[in-house]
Amino acid sequence: DRAAFRDAGLAATRQLAKRQITWLRATTATRFDPFDAGAAATVRETVGRALGA
């Protein structure tokens, strides 16, 4: 029924939010200057390392 479907959706949303918070806590902040001439290369290298490339 409609109420059960809604409740299942709310529970799934809460679970996803908890997983996202856990994932975000495990990440380290990376900062870079977007106006630096090498910013694009820095971002590419950082993403490559994160993806294991």
Foldseek 3Di string as FASTA:
>chain_A
DVVVVVVVVVVVVVVVVVVVVVVVVPDDDDDDDPPDPCVVVVVVVVVCVVVVD
